Structures are given as C-alpha cells and as structure tokens.
PDB file of N, CA and C in Angstrom:
ATOM      1  N   MET A   1      69.931 118.824 160.699  1.00  0.00           N
ATOM      2  CA  MET A   1      69.588 117.926 159.611  1.00  0.00           C
ATOM      3  C   MET A   1      70.610 118.026 158.487  1.00  0.00           C
ATOM      4  N   ASN A   2      71.061 119.236 158.194  1.00  0.00           N
ATOM      5  CA  ASN A   2      72.036 119.458 157.146  1.00  0.00           C
ATOM      6  C   ASN A   2      73.351 118.745 157.462  1.00  0.00           C
ATOM      7  N   GLU A   3      73.733 118.694 158.738  1.00  0.00           N
ATOM      8  CA  GLU A   3      74.968 118.029 159.144  1.00  0.00           C
ATOM      9  C   GLU A   3      74.878 116.523 158.919  1.00  0.00           C
ATOM     10  N   ILE A   4      73.715 115.945 159.142  1.00  0.00           N
ATOM     11  CA  ILE A   4      73.530 114.508 158.960  1.00  0.00           C
ATOM     12  C   ILE A   4      73.682 114.141 157.483  1.00  0.00           C
ATOM     13  N   ILE A   5      73.133 114.965 156.620  1.00  0.00           N
ATOM     14  CA  ILE A   5      73.241 114.713 155.182  1.00  0.00           C
ATOM     15  C   ILE A   5      74.693 114.854 154.732  1.00  0.00           C
ATOM     16  N   MET A   6      75.402 115.844 155.256  1.00  0.00           N
ATOM     17  CA  MET A   6      76.808 116.029 154.890  1.00  0.00           C
ATOM     18  C   MET A   6      77.658 114.852 155.367  1.00  0.00           C
ATOM     19  N   GLU A   7      77.408 114.382 156.594  1.00  0.00           N
ATOM     20  CA  GLU A   7      78.153 113.234 157.109  1.00  0.00           C
ATOM     21  C   GLU A   7      77.859 111.977 156.280  1.00  0.00           C
ATOM     22  N   GLY A   8      76.612 111.790 155.921  1.00  0.00           N
ATOM     23  CA  GLY A   8      76.231 110.637 155.103  1.00  0.00           C
ATOM     24  C   GLY A   8      76.868 110.700 153.727  1.00  0.00           C
ATOM     25  N   THR A   9      76.867 111.876 153.130  1.00  0.00           N
ATOM     26  CA  THR A   9      77.471 112.044 151.810  1.00  0.00           C
ATOM     27  C   THR A   9      78.982 111.806 151.874  1.00  0.00           C
ATOM     28  N   THR A  10      79.614 112.312 152.925  1.00  0.00           N
ATOM     29  CA  THR A  10      81.053 112.101 153.097  1.00  0.00           C
ATOM     30  C   THR A  10      81.369 110.615 153.254  1.00  0.00           C
ATOM     31  N   ALA A  11      80.576 109.913 154.057  1.00  0.00           N
ATOM     32  CA  ALA A  11      80.780 108.473 154.245  1.00  0.00           C
ATOM     33  C   ALA A  11      80.543 107.722 152.935  1.00  0.00           C
ATOM     34  N   LEU A  12      79.540 108.140 152.175  1.00  0.00           N
ATOM     35  CA  LEU A  12      79.247 107.511 150.896  1.00  0.00           C
ATOM     36  C   LEU A  12      80.414 107.673 149.930  1.00  0.00           C
ATOM     37  N   ILE A  13      80.935 108.872 149.799  1.00  0.00           N
ATOM     38  CA  ILE A  13      82.043 109.137 148.888  1.00  0.00           C
ATOM     39  C   ILE A  13      83.299 108.394 149.341  1.00  0.00           C
ATOM     40  N   ALA A  14      83.562 108.381 150.632  1.00  0.00           N
ATOM     41  CA  ALA A  14      84.738 107.671 151.147  1.00  0.00           C
ATOM     42  C   ALA A  14      84.608 106.165 150.885  1.00  0.00           C
ATOM     43  N   GLY A  15      83.451 105.615 151.096  1.00  0.00           N
ATOM     44  CA  GLY A  15      83.240 104.187 150.857  1.00  0.00           C
ATOM     45  C   GLY A  15      83.361 103.827 149.388  1.00  0.00           C
ATOM     46  N   MET A  16      82.735 104.618 148.536  1.00  0.00           N
ATOM     47  CA  MET A  16      82.816 104.351 147.095  1.00  0.00           C
ATOM     48  C   MET A  16      84.239 104.523 146.575  1.00  0.00           C
ATOM     49  N   GLY A  17      84.947 105.520 147.085  1.00  0.00           N
ATOM     50  CA  GLY A  17      86.336 105.730 146.687  1.00  0.00           C
ATOM     51  C   GLY A  17      87.215 104.560 147.094  1.00  0.00           C
ATOM     52  N   THR A  18      86.994 104.059 148.309  1.00  0.00           N
ATOM     53  CA  THR A  18      87.765 102.908 148.786  1.00  0.00           C
ATOM     54  C   THR A  18      87.516 101.687 147.913  1.00  0.00           C
ATOM     55  N   VAL A  19      86.266 101.419 147.611  1.00  0.00           N
ATOM     56  CA  VAL A  19      85.930 100.269 146.770  1.00  0.00           C
ATOM     57  C   VAL A  19      86.534 100.439 145.380  1.00  0.00           C
ATOM     58  N   PHE A  20      86.475 101.617 144.824  1.00  0.00           N
ATOM     59  CA  PHE A  20      87.030 101.863 143.499  1.00  0.00           C
ATOM     60  C   PHE A  20      88.538 101.617 143.481  1.00  0.00           C
ATOM     61  N   ILE A  21      89.238 102.122 144.490  1.00  0.00           N
ATOM     62  CA  ILE A  21      90.692 101.939 144.562  1.00  0.00           C
ATOM     63  C   ILE A  21      91.045 100.464 144.705  1.00  0.00           C
ATOM     64  N   ILE A  22      90.307  99.727 145.518  1.00  0.00           N
ATOM     65  CA  ILE A  22      90.559  98.295 145.692  1.00  0.00           C
ATOM     66  C   ILE A  22      90.317  97.552 144.380  1.00  0.00           C
ATOM     67  N   LEU A  23      89.258  97.897 143.656  1.00  0.00           N
ATOM     68  CA  LEU A  23      88.989  97.245 142.365  1.00  0.00           C
ATOM     69  C   LEU A  23      90.090  97.526 141.345  1.00  0.00           C
ATOM     70  N   VAL A  24      90.611  98.732 141.333  1.00  0.00           N
ATOM     71  CA  VAL A  24      91.714  99.064 140.431  1.00  0.00           C
ATOM     72  C   VAL A  24      92.950  98.246 140.795  1.00  0.00           C
ATOM     73  N   LEU A  25      93.240  98.109 142.076  1.00  0.00           N
ATOM     74  CA  LEU A  25      94.390  97.309 142.506  1.00  0.00           C
ATOM     75  C   LEU A  25      94.223  95.840 142.121  1.00  0.00           C
ATOM     76  N   ILE A  26      93.033  95.300 142.273  1.00  0.00           N
ATOM     77  CA  ILE A  26      92.777  93.920 141.871  1.00  0.00           C
ATOM     78  C   ILE A  26      92.969  93.763 140.367  1.00  0.00           C
ATOM     79  N   SER A  27      92.511  94.732 139.607  1.00  0.00           N
ATOM     80  CA  SER A  27      92.676  94.681 138.150  1.00  0.00           C
ATOM     81  C   SER A  27      94.150  94.698 137.756  1.00  0.00           C
ATOM     82  N   VAL A  28      94.950  95.501 138.428  1.00  0.00           N
ATOM     83  CA  VAL A  28      96.384  95.560 138.141  1.00  0.00           C
ATOM     84  C   VAL A  28      97.051  94.233 138.471  1.00  0.00           C
ATOM     85  N   VAL A  29      96.701  93.644 139.596  1.00  0.00           N
ATOM     86  CA  VAL A  29      97.294  92.358 139.985  1.00  0.00           C
ATOM     87  C   VAL A  29      96.925  91.277 138.983  1.00  0.00           C
ATOM     88  N   ILE A  30      95.680  91.247 138.538  1.00  0.00           N
ATOM     89  CA  ILE A  30      95.251  90.247 137.553  1.00  0.00           C
ATOM     90  C   ILE A  30      95.981  90.455 136.228  1.00  0.00           C
ATOM     91  N   SER A  31      96.189  91.684 135.814  1.00  0.00           N
ATOM     92  CA  SER A  31      96.899  91.925 134.555  1.00  0.00           C
ATOM     93  C   SER A  31      98.367  91.516 134.665  1.00  0.00           C
ATOM     94  N   LEU A  32      98.940  91.543 135.850  1.00  0.00           N
ATOM     95  CA  LEU A  32     100.324  91.104 136.025  1.00  0.00           C
ATOM     96  C   LEU A  32     100.466  89.598 135.884  1.00  0.00           C
ATOM     97  N   PHE A  33      99.406  88.841 136.151  1.00  0.00           N
ATOM     98  CA  PHE A  33      99.464  87.394 136.007  1.00  0.00           C
ATOM     99  C   PHE A  33      99.735  86.979 134.568  1.00  0.00           C
ATOM    100  N   GLU A  34      99.283  87.756 133.602  1.00  0.00           N
ATOM    101  CA  GLU A  34      99.516  87.435 132.200  1.00  0.00           C
ATOM    102  C   GLU A  34     101.001  87.457 131.864  1.00  0.00           C
ATOM    103  N   HIS A  35     101.748  88.308 132.529  1.00  0.00           N
ATOM    104  CA  HIS A  35     103.175  88.405 132.251  1.00  0.00           C
ATOM    105  C   HIS A  35     103.961  87.269 132.885  1.00  0.00           C
ATOM    106  N   LEU A  36     103.382  86.592 133.851  1.00  0.00           N
ATOM    107  CA  LEU A  36     104.068  85.501 134.519  1.00  0.00           C
ATOM    108  C   LEU A  36     103.906  84.168 133.810  1.00  0.00           C
ATOM    109  N   ASP A  37     102.851  84.003 133.031  1.00  0.00           N
ATOM    110  CA  ASP A  37     102.543  82.732 132.397  1.00  0.00           C
ATOM    111  C   ASP A  37     103.202  82.662 131.019  1.00  0.00           C
ATOM    112  N   PRO A  38     104.191  81.768 130.835  1.00  0.00           N
ATOM    113  CA  PRO A  38     104.868  81.714 129.531  1.00  0.00           C
ATOM    114  C   PRO A  38     103.963  81.244 128.399  1.00  0.00           C
ATOM    115  N   GLU A  39     102.943  80.415 128.704  1.00  0.00           N
ATOM    116  CA  GLU A  39     102.042  79.960 127.652  1.00  0.00           C
ATOM    117  C   GLU A  39     101.225  81.121 127.096  1.00  0.00           C
ATOM    118  N   THR A  40     100.816  82.028 127.953  1.00  0.00           N
ATOM    119  CA  THR A  40     100.039  83.178 127.502  1.00  0.00           C
ATOM    120  C   THR A  40     100.894  84.057 126.588  1.00  0.00           C
ATOM    121  N   ARG A  41     102.160  84.238 126.946  1.00  0.00           N
ATOM    122  CA  ARG A  41     103.037  85.037 126.102  1.00  0.00           C
ATOM    123  C   ARG A  41     103.228  84.379 124.738  1.00  0.00           C
ATOM    124  N   ALA A  42     103.365  83.066 124.720  1.00  0.00           N
ATOM    125  CA  ALA A  42     103.536  82.359 123.446  1.00  0.00           C
ATOM    126  C   ALA A  42     102.277  82.474 122.594  1.00  0.00           C
ATOM    127  N   GLU A  43     101.111  82.365 123.229  1.00  0.00           N
ATOM    128  CA  GLU A  43      99.856  82.486 122.478  1.00  0.00           C
ATOM    129  C   GLU A  43      99.723  83.885 121.888  1.00  0.00           C
ATOM    130  N   LYS A  44     100.092  84.901 122.638  1.00  0.00           N
ATOM    131  CA  LYS A  44     100.012  86.265 122.122  1.00  0.00           C
ATOM    132  C   LYS A  44     100.977  86.457 120.956  1.00  0.00           C
ATOM    133  N   ARG A  45     102.165  85.875 121.070  1.00  0.00           N
ATOM    134  CA  ARG A  45     103.133  85.991 119.993  1.00  0.00           C
ATOM    135  C   ARG A  45     102.618  85.313 118.730  1.00  0.00           C
ATOM    136  N   LEU A  46     102.022  84.122 118.883  1.00  0.00           N
ATOM    137  CA  LEU A  46     101.460  83.423 117.727  1.00  0.00           C
ATOM    138  C   LEU A  46     100.292  84.198 117.129  1.00  0.00           C
ATOM    139  N   ALA A  47      99.483  84.812 117.979  1.00  0.00           N
ATOM    140  CA  ALA A  47      98.354  85.595 117.480  1.00  0.00           C
ATOM    141  C   ALA A  47      98.845  86.806 116.695  1.00  0.00           C
ATOM    142  N   ARG A  48      99.916  87.460 117.180  1.00  0.00           N
ATOM    143  CA  ARG A  48     100.466  88.598 116.445  1.00  0.00           C
ATOM    144  C   ARG A  48     101.009  88.164 115.088  1.00  0.00           C
ATOM    145  N   LEU A  49     101.675  87.005 115.049  1.00  0.00           N
ATOM    146  CA  LEU A  49     102.180  86.502 113.775  1.00  0.00           C
ATOM    147  C   LEU A  49     101.041  86.182 112.817  1.00  0.00           C
ATOM    148  N   ALA A  50      99.966  85.624 113.348  1.00  0.00           N
ATOM    149  CA  ALA A  50      98.826  85.281 112.495  1.00  0.00           C
ATOM    150  C   ALA A  50      98.162  86.543 111.941  1.00  0.00           C
ATOM    151  N   LYS A  51      98.103  87.602 112.732  1.00  0.00           N
ATOM    152  CA  LYS A  51      97.489  88.847 112.257  1.00  0.00           C
ATOM    153  C   LYS A  51      98.336  89.500 111.173  1.00  0.00           C
ATOM    154  N   LYS A  52      99.658  89.322 111.254  1.00  0.00           N
ATOM    155  CA  LYS A  52     100.527  89.900 110.243  1.00  0.00           C
ATOM    156  C   LYS A  52     100.480  89.121 108.935  1.00  0.00           C
ATOM    157  N   GLY A  53      99.890  87.939 108.964  1.00  0.00           N
ATOM    158  CA  GLY A  53      99.793  87.136 107.751  1.00  0.00           C
ATOM    159  C   GLY A  53     100.933  86.156 107.598  1.00  0.00           C
ATOM    160  N   ASN A  54     101.803  86.071 108.597  1.00  0.00           N
ATOM    161  CA  ASN A  54     102.898  85.099 108.532  1.00  0.00           C
ATOM    162  C   ASN A  54     102.337  83.700 108.764  1.00  0.00           C
ATOM    163  N   PRO A  55     102.746  82.724 107.949  1.00  0.00           N
ATOM    164  CA  PRO A  55     102.250  81.365 108.176  1.00  0.00           C
ATOM    165  C   PRO A  55     102.839  80.788 109.455  1.00  0.00           C
ATOM    166  N   ILE A  56     102.038  80.046 110.175  1.00  0.00           N
ATOM    167  CA  ILE A  56     102.480  79.381 111.396  1.00  0.00           C
ATOM    168  C   ILE A  56     103.142  78.081 110.980  1.00  0.00           C
ATOM    169  N   GLU A  57     104.348  77.881 111.418  1.00  0.00           N
ATOM    170  CA  GLU A  57     105.094  76.689 111.019  1.00  0.00           C
ATOM    171  C   GLU A  57     105.416  75.870 112.263  1.00  0.00           C
ATOM    172  N   VAL A  58     104.977  74.624 112.252  1.00  0.00           N
ATOM    173  CA  VAL A  58     105.318  73.682 113.302  1.00  0.00           C
ATOM    174  C   VAL A  58     106.329  72.736 112.692  1.00  0.00           C
ATOM    175  N   THR A  59     107.558  72.735 113.229  1.00  0.00           N
ATOM    176  CA  THR A  59     108.609  71.929 112.627  1.00  0.00           C
ATOM    177  C   THR A  59     108.979  70.772 113.534  1.00  0.00           C
ATOM    178  N   GLU A  60     109.423  69.706 112.917  1.00  0.00           N
ATOM    179  CA  GLU A  60     109.882  68.533 113.647  1.00  0.00           C
ATOM    180  C   GLU A  60     110.809  67.745 112.749  1.00  0.00           C
ATOM    181  N   GLU A  61     111.628  66.921 113.369  1.00  0.00           N
ATOM    182  CA  GLU A  61     112.535  66.090 112.595  1.00  0.00           C
ATOM    183  C   GLU A  61     111.722  65.097 111.770  1.00  0.00           C
ATOM    184  N   PRO A  62     112.245  64.691 110.616  1.00  0.00           N
ATOM    185  CA  PRO A  62     111.512  63.723 109.799  1.00  0.00           C
ATOM    186  C   PRO A  62     111.303  62.409 110.547  1.00  0.00           C
ATOM    187  N   VAL A  63     110.173  61.794 110.313  1.00  0.00           N
ATOM    188  CA  VAL A  63     109.840  60.540 110.957  1.00  0.00           C
ATOM    189  C   VAL A  63     110.491  59.407 110.188  1.00  0.00           C
ATOM    190  N   GLU A  64     111.055  58.443 110.901  1.00  0.00           N
ATOM    191  CA  GLU A  64     111.673  57.300 110.242  1.00  0.00           C
ATOM    192  C   GLU A  64     110.595  56.485 109.534  1.00  0.00           C
ATOM    193  N   GLU A  65     110.926  55.935 108.377  1.00  0.00           N
ATOM    194  CA  GLU A  65     109.947  55.179 107.620  1.00  0.00           C
ATOM    195  C   GLU A  65     109.768  53.764 108.135  1.00  0.00           C
ATOM    196  N   ALA A  66     110.620  53.307 109.031  1.00  0.00           N
ATOM    197  CA  ALA A  66     110.552  51.951 109.540  1.00  0.00           C
ATOM    198  C   ALA A  66     109.551  51.800 110.681  1.00  0.00           C
ATOM    199  N   GLN A  67     108.799  52.837 110.969  1.00  0.00           N
ATOM    200  CA  GLN A  67     107.835  52.770 112.058  1.00  0.00           C
ATOM    201  C   GLN A  67     106.654  51.902 111.675  1.00  0.00           C
ATOM    202  N   ASP A  68     106.012  51.359 112.713  1.00  0.00           N
ATOM    203  CA  ASP A  68     104.795  50.588 112.491  1.00  0.00           C
ATOM    204  C   ASP A  68     103.680  51.519 112.045  1.00  0.00           C
ATOM    205  N   THR A  69     102.650  50.927 111.447  1.00  0.00           N
ATOM    206  CA  THR A  69     101.518  51.747 111.024  1.00  0.00           C
ATOM    207  C   THR A  69     100.804  52.325 112.239  1.00  0.00           C
ATOM    208  N   SER A  70     100.841  51.636 113.362  1.00  0.00           N
ATOM    209  CA  SER A  70     100.191  52.181 114.558  1.00  0.00           C
ATOM    210  C   SER A  70     100.924  53.428 115.035  1.00  0.00           C
ATOM    211  N   ASP A  71     102.268  53.461 114.915  1.00  0.00           N
ATOM    212  CA  ASP A  71     103.031  54.645 115.282  1.00  0.00           C
ATOM    213  C   ASP A  71     102.719  55.802 114.333  1.00  0.00           C
ATOM    214  N   GLN A  72     102.557  55.483 113.048  1.00  0.00           N
ATOM    215  CA  GLN A  72     102.229  56.523 112.076  1.00  0.00           C
ATOM    216  C   GLN A  72     100.833  57.080 112.340  1.00  0.00           C
ATOM    217  N   GLU A  73      99.903  56.206 112.677  1.00  0.00           N
ATOM    218  CA  GLU A  73      98.552  56.670 112.995  1.00  0.00           C
ATOM    219  C   GLU A  73      98.571  57.537 114.246  1.00  0.00           C
ATOM    220  N   GLU A  74      99.371  57.140 115.215  1.00  0.00           N
ATOM    221  CA  GLU A  74      99.478  57.936 116.441  1.00  0.00           C
ATOM    222  C   GLU A  74     100.077  59.303 116.133  1.00  0.00           C
ATOM    223  N   MET A  75     101.081  59.340 115.266  1.00  0.00           N
ATOM    224  CA  MET A  75     101.694  60.602 114.889  1.00  0.00           C
ATOM    225  C   MET A  75     100.695  61.496 114.167  1.00  0.00           C
ATOM    226  N   LEU A  76      99.869  60.906 113.300  1.00  0.00           N
ATOM    227  CA  LEU A  76      98.836  61.697 112.623  1.00  0.00           C
ATOM    228  C   LEU A  76      97.836  62.265 113.611  1.00  0.00           C
ATOM    229  N   ARG A  77      97.489  61.477 114.617  1.00  0.00           N
ATOM    230  CA  ARG A  77      96.570  61.971 115.643  1.00  0.00           C
ATOM    231  C   ARG A  77      97.196  63.111 116.440  1.00  0.00           C
ATOM    232  N   VAL A  78      98.496  62.990 116.729  1.00  0.00           N
ATOM    233  CA  VAL A  78      99.188  64.057 117.457  1.00  0.00           C
ATOM    234  C   VAL A  78      99.226  65.326 116.617  1.00  0.00           C
ATOM    235  N   VAL A  79      99.530  65.189 115.333  1.00  0.00           N
ATOM    236  CA  VAL A  79      99.552  66.354 114.438  1.00  0.00           C
ATOM    237  C   VAL A  79      98.172  66.990 114.364  1.00  0.00           C
ATOM    238  N   ALA A  80      97.142  66.164 114.278  1.00  0.00           N
ATOM    239  CA  ALA A  80      95.775  66.694 114.221  1.00  0.00           C
ATOM    240  C   ALA A  80      95.431  67.426 115.515  1.00  0.00           C
ATOM    241  N   ALA A  81      95.817  66.856 116.649  1.00  0.00           N
ATOM    242  CA  ALA A  81      95.518  67.500 117.934  1.00  0.00           C
ATOM    243  C   ALA A  81      96.267  68.818 118.076  1.00  0.00           C
ATOM    244  N   ILE A  82      97.523  68.843 117.661  1.00  0.00           N
ATOM    245  CA  ILE A  82      98.303  70.083 117.725  1.00  0.00           C
ATOM    246  C   ILE A  82      97.703  71.130 116.801  1.00  0.00           C
ATOM    247  N   SER A  83      97.296  70.715 115.614  1.00  0.00           N
ATOM    248  CA  SER A  83      96.705  71.658 114.652  1.00  0.00           C
ATOM    249  C   SER A  83      95.411  72.248 115.187  1.00  0.00           C
ATOM    250  N   VAL A  84      94.581  71.414 115.773  1.00  0.00           N
ATOM    251  CA  VAL A  84      93.307  71.903 116.317  1.00  0.00           C
ATOM    252  C   VAL A  84      93.558  72.848 117.483  1.00  0.00           C
ATOM    253  N   ALA A  85      94.488  72.493 118.372  1.00  0.00           N
ATOM    254  CA  ALA A  85      94.779  73.355 119.519  1.00  0.00           C
ATOM    255  C   ALA A  85      95.345  74.694 119.065  1.00  0.00           C
ATOM    256  N   LEU A  86      96.225  74.660 118.080  1.00  0.00           N
ATOM    257  CA  LEU A  86      96.806  75.891 117.560  1.00  0.00           C
ATOM    258  C   LEU A  86      95.756  76.752 116.871  1.00  0.00           C
ATOM    259  N   ALA A  87      94.904  76.125 116.084  1.00  0.00           N
ATOM    260  CA  ALA A  87      93.841  76.866 115.403  1.00  0.00           C
ATOM    261  C   ALA A  87      92.874  77.471 116.413  1.00  0.00           C
ATOM    262  N   LYS A  88      92.564  76.736 117.462  1.00  0.00           N
ATOM    263  CA  LYS A  88      91.651  77.243 118.488  1.00  0.00           C
ATOM    264  C   LYS A  88      92.266  78.438 119.204  1.00  0.00           C
ATOM    265  N   SER A  89      93.556  78.359 119.536  1.00  0.00           N
ATOM    266  CA  SER A  89      94.186  79.462 120.253  1.00  0.00           C
ATOM    267  C   SER A  89      94.342  80.699 119.371  1.00  0.00           C
ATOM    268  N   LEU A  90      94.424  80.499 118.051  1.00  0.00           N
ATOM    269  CA  LEU A  90      94.562  81.631 117.128  1.00  0.00           C
ATOM    270  C   LEU A  90      93.227  82.091 116.550  1.00  0.00           C
ATOM    271  N   ASN A  91      92.146  81.435 116.964  1.00  0.00           N
ATOM    272  CA  ASN A  91      90.805  81.772 116.471  1.00  0.00           C
ATOM    273  C   ASN A  91      90.732  81.720 114.945  1.00  0.00           C
ATOM    274  N   THR A  92      91.232  80.650 114.382  1.00  0.00           N
ATOM    275  CA  THR A  92      91.197  80.462 112.943  1.00  0.00           C
ATOM    276  C   THR A  92      90.820  79.012 112.661  1.00  0.00           C
ATOM    277  N   SER A  93      90.720  78.664 111.393  1.00  0.00           N
ATOM    278  CA  SER A  93      90.385  77.289 111.057  1.00  0.00           C
ATOM    279  C   SER A  93      91.664  76.496 110.799  1.00  0.00           C
ATOM    280  N   VAL A  94      91.544  75.185 110.874  1.00  0.00           N
ATOM    281  CA  VAL A  94      92.694  74.307 110.650  1.00  0.00           C
ATOM    282  C   VAL A  94      93.151  74.399 109.197  1.00  0.00           C
ATOM    283  N   ASP A  95      92.249  74.728 108.296  1.00  0.00           N
ATOM    284  CA  ASP A  95      92.584  74.819 106.875  1.00  0.00           C
ATOM    285  C   ASP A  95      93.621  75.906 106.596  1.00  0.00           C
ATOM    286  N   ARG A  96      93.681  76.928 107.459  1.00  0.00           N
ATOM    287  CA  ARG A  96      94.601  78.034 107.224  1.00  0.00           C
ATOM    288  C   ARG A  96      95.993  77.763 107.779  1.00  0.00           C
ATOM    289  N   LEU A  97      96.172  76.655 108.496  1.00  0.00           N
ATOM    290  CA  LEU A  97      97.473  76.319 109.069  1.00  0.00           C
ATOM    291  C   LEU A  97      98.178  75.293 108.199  1.00  0.00           C
ATOM    292  N   GLN A  98      99.483  75.385 108.154  1.00  0.00           N
ATOM    293  CA  GLN A  98     100.289  74.424 107.405  1.00  0.00           C
ATOM    294  C   GLN A  98     101.305  73.810 108.362  1.00  0.00           C
ATOM    295  N   VAL A  99     101.146  72.535 108.662  1.00  0.00           N
ATOM    296  CA  VAL A  99     102.120  71.817 109.480  1.00  0.00           C
ATOM    297  C   VAL A  99     103.081  71.151 108.520  1.00  0.00           C
ATOM    298  N   ARG A 100     104.284  71.665 108.461  1.00  0.00           N
ATOM    299  CA  ARG A 100     105.267  71.160 107.498  1.00  0.00           C
ATOM    300  C   ARG A 100     106.048  69.999 108.075  1.00  0.00           C
ATOM    301  N   SER A 101     106.387  70.080 109.339  1.00  0.00           N
ATOM    302  CA  SER A 101     107.087  68.973 109.992  1.00  0.00           C
ATOM    303  C   SER A 101     106.945  69.151 111.501  1.00  0.00           C
ATOM    304  N   ILE A 102     107.169  68.080 112.220  1.00  0.00           N
ATOM    305  CA  ILE A 102     107.076  68.091 113.675  1.00  0.00           C
ATOM    306  C   ILE A 102     108.375  67.528 114.220  1.00  0.00           C
ATOM    307  N   ARG A 103     108.903  68.207 115.232  1.00  0.00           N
ATOM    308  CA  ARG A 103     110.188  67.805 115.804  1.00  0.00           C
ATOM    309  C   ARG A 103     109.982  67.490 117.282  1.00  0.00           C
ATOM    310  N   ARG A 104     110.456  66.355 117.710  1.00  0.00           N
ATOM    311  CA  ARG A 104     110.352  65.995 119.120  1.00  0.00           C
ATOM    312  C   ARG A 104     111.398  66.761 119.904  1.00  0.00           C
ATOM    313  N   LEU A 105     110.998  67.231 121.072  1.00  0.00           N
ATOM    314  CA  LEU A 105     111.926  67.975 121.927  1.00  0.00           C
ATOM    315  C   LEU A 105     112.430  67.104 123.037  1.00  0.00           C
TER     316      LEU A 105
END
C-alpha cells in the first residue's frame, strides 16, 4: 500500500511540475510578443513621458487657409479622434493634452 501512495505522489509531482514549466514557457513567449509590436513600444514610451510630467506634443505642418470649411471640419474631427485615442492610451483626460500642430506624414 505504501508503494502505491509513493507512486501516486511521484506521478502527481511530475505532472504538476510539467504543467508549471509549460505555463512559465507560455508566459515568456507572450511577454516576448510585446517587444515585437512597435505600437506597444510607442504606447509605453508615451506613458513614461506622461508619468514624468512632460507634455505630449502632436506636431504637424500648418494647414493652408485656402481650404474649404468641410476640410477644416474634417481636420478638427481628425484632431479630436487623435486626442481621444492618445488620452485613452495614456489613461488620462483630453483636457490634459495639448495638440499644438498636426503634420501629415
């Protein structure tokens, strides 16, 4: 009877150890994915800047004044969308961000 309990305990420890090692390997692989995604790196960099108190600056070339009002409205919507996305990624409010200019790439 004692041998059966020892064999069962050995199998239990071996099984749990195997599962633990596999879970650690999966965790390492998932953490490596963060280093491959350039957007994640940019978000982390922006978050570090926000924690240091540096203002986030979104720059762009000045908009020509000869644009139609519909183009200006579209540009305002784009600025609003960028501001909201940036604020969401930095876990802050839009009021704390200052968009000084936007530059087309």
